[in-house]
Amino acid sequence: MPMIQRALLATTMFSAMIVIAGLSGCTTYTWDDGHKETVWGQPTRDETMTKDEVESEAPTYRVPGETPE
């Protein structure tokens, strides 16, 4: 493989890894009208709950930009 193609491949792979790593901590909200909004971070969870308690709990949803109660 010529040196120019290797450099292009390496640059493309590095760029793709940066994009994937950057989006890994995001949460995407999809609204009923089809509008999507991606925000940094993920909904918080109570880390003191047991596995059984977590599995039996109903899912919770947050509205972007509003502080949960």
C-alpha atoms as a PDB file:
ATOM      1  CA  MET A   1       0.000   0.000   0.000  1.00  0.00           C
ATOM      2  CA  PRO A   2       1.534   3.349  -0.978  1.00  0.00           C
ATOM      3  CA  MET A   3       2.567   5.717   1.821  1.00  0.00           C
ATOM      4  CA  ILE A   4      -0.053   8.366   0.912  1.00  0.00           C
ATOM      5  CA  GLN A   5      -2.906   5.849   1.162  1.00  0.00           C
ATOM      6  CA  ARG A   6      -1.640   4.653   4.560  1.00  0.00           C
ATOM      7  CA  ALA A   7      -1.500   8.206   5.859  1.00  0.00           C
ATOM      8  CA  LEU A   8      -5.022   8.913   4.583  1.00  0.00           C
ATOM      9  CA  LEU A   9      -6.339   5.686   6.130  1.00  0.00           C
ATOM     10  CA  ALA A  10      -4.655   6.434   9.463  1.00  0.00           C
ATOM     11  CA  THR A  11      -6.051   9.987   9.501  1.00  0.00           C
ATOM     12  CA  THR A  12      -9.555   8.758   8.685  1.00  0.00           C
ATOM     13  CA  MET A  13      -9.439   6.055  11.364  1.00  0.00           C
ATOM     14  CA  PHE A  14      -8.141   8.513  13.979  1.00  0.00           C
ATOM     15  CA  SER A  15     -10.867  11.026  13.124  1.00  0.00           C
ATOM     16  CA  ALA A  16     -13.564   8.348  13.378  1.00  0.00           C
ATOM     17  CA  MET A  17     -12.263   7.241  16.789  1.00  0.00           C
ATOM     18  CA  ILE A  18     -12.317  10.834  18.075  1.00  0.00           C
ATOM     19  CA  VAL A  19     -15.924  11.321  16.914  1.00  0.00           C
ATOM     20  CA  ILE A  20     -17.073   8.040  18.482  1.00  0.00           C
ATOM     21  CA  ALA A  21     -15.285   8.782  21.760  1.00  0.00           C
ATOM     22  CA  GLY A  22     -16.779  12.263  21.845  1.00  0.00           C
ATOM     23  CA  LEU A  23     -20.323  10.989  21.445  1.00  0.00           C
ATOM     24  CA  SER A  24     -20.026   8.117  23.901  1.00  0.00           C
ATOM     25  CA  GLY A  25     -21.054  10.281  26.862  1.00  0.00           C
ATOM     26  CA  CYS A  26     -24.098  11.792  25.174  1.00  0.00           C
ATOM     27  CA  THR A  27     -27.795  11.177  25.534  1.00  0.00           C
ATOM     28  CA  THR A  28     -30.094  11.727  22.554  1.00  0.00           C
ATOM     29  CA  TYR A  29     -33.685  12.691  23.246  1.00  0.00           C
ATOM     30  CA  THR A  30     -36.272  12.115  20.513  1.00  0.00           C
ATOM     31  CA  TRP A  31     -39.545  14.035  20.749  1.00  0.00           C
ATOM     32  CA  ASP A  32     -42.963  13.000  19.415  1.00  0.00           C
ATOM     33  CA  ASP A  33     -42.669  15.398  16.473  1.00  0.00           C
ATOM     34  CA  GLY A  34     -39.407  13.734  15.345  1.00  0.00           C
ATOM     35  CA  HIS A  35     -37.154  16.494  16.707  1.00  0.00           C
ATOM     36  CA  LYS A  36     -33.922  15.130  18.208  1.00  0.00           C
ATOM     37  CA  GLU A  37     -31.633  16.797  20.734  1.00  0.00           C
ATOM     38  CA  THR A  38     -28.292  15.427  21.900  1.00  0.00           C
ATOM     39  CA  VAL A  39     -27.008  16.520  25.299  1.00  0.00           C
ATOM     40  CA  TRP A  40     -23.794  15.738  27.181  1.00  0.00           C
ATOM     41  CA  GLY A  41     -23.962  13.239  30.005  1.00  0.00           C
ATOM     42  CA  GLN A  42     -26.487  10.633  30.911  1.00  0.00           C
ATOM     43  CA  PRO A  43     -29.415  10.612  33.326  1.00  0.00           C
ATOM     44  CA  THR A  44     -28.258  10.124  36.896  1.00  0.00           C
ATOM     45  CA  ARG A  45     -28.947   6.888  38.729  1.00  0.00           C
ATOM     46  CA  ASP A  46     -28.939   5.943  42.386  1.00  0.00           C
ATOM     47  CA  GLU A  47     -25.780   3.866  42.763  1.00  0.00           C
ATOM     48  CA  THR A  48     -26.822   2.516  46.174  1.00  0.00           C
ATOM     49  CA  MET A  49     -29.696   0.434  44.782  1.00  0.00           C
ATOM     50  CA  THR A  50     -29.357  -3.322  44.437  1.00  0.00           C
ATOM     51  CA  LYS A  51     -29.590  -5.023  41.042  1.00  0.00           C
ATOM     52  CA  ASP A  52     -33.111  -6.294  41.820  1.00  0.00           C
ATOM     53  CA  GLU A  53     -34.286  -2.792  42.789  1.00  0.00           C
ATOM     54  CA  VAL A  54     -32.862  -1.305  39.601  1.00  0.00           C
ATOM     55  CA  GLU A  55     -34.485  -3.955  37.400  1.00  0.00           C
ATOM     56  CA  SER A  56     -37.909  -3.548  39.044  1.00  0.00           C
ATOM     57  CA  GLU A  57     -37.870   0.256  38.801  1.00  0.00           C
ATOM     58  CA  ALA A  58     -39.758   1.922  35.951  1.00  0.00           C
ATOM     59  CA  PRO A  59     -37.653   3.959  33.498  1.00  0.00           C
ATOM     60  CA  THR A  60     -37.359   7.677  34.231  1.00  0.00           C
ATOM     61  CA  TYR A  61     -37.112  10.405  31.640  1.00  0.00           C
ATOM     62  CA  ARG A  62     -35.654  13.892  31.941  1.00  0.00           C
ATOM     63  CA  VAL A  63     -36.489  16.974  29.939  1.00  0.00           C
ATOM     64  CA  PRO A  64     -33.284  18.582  28.615  1.00  0.00           C
ATOM     65  CA  GLY A  65     -32.480  21.842  30.353  1.00  0.00           C
ATOM     66  CA  GLU A  66     -34.706  21.191  33.373  1.00  0.00           C
ATOM     67  CA  THR A  67     -33.383  20.136  36.763  1.00  0.00           C
ATOM     68  CA  PRO A  68     -34.944  16.860  37.970  1.00  0.00           C
ATOM     69  CA  GLU A  69     -36.779  16.875  41.311  1.00  0.00           C
END
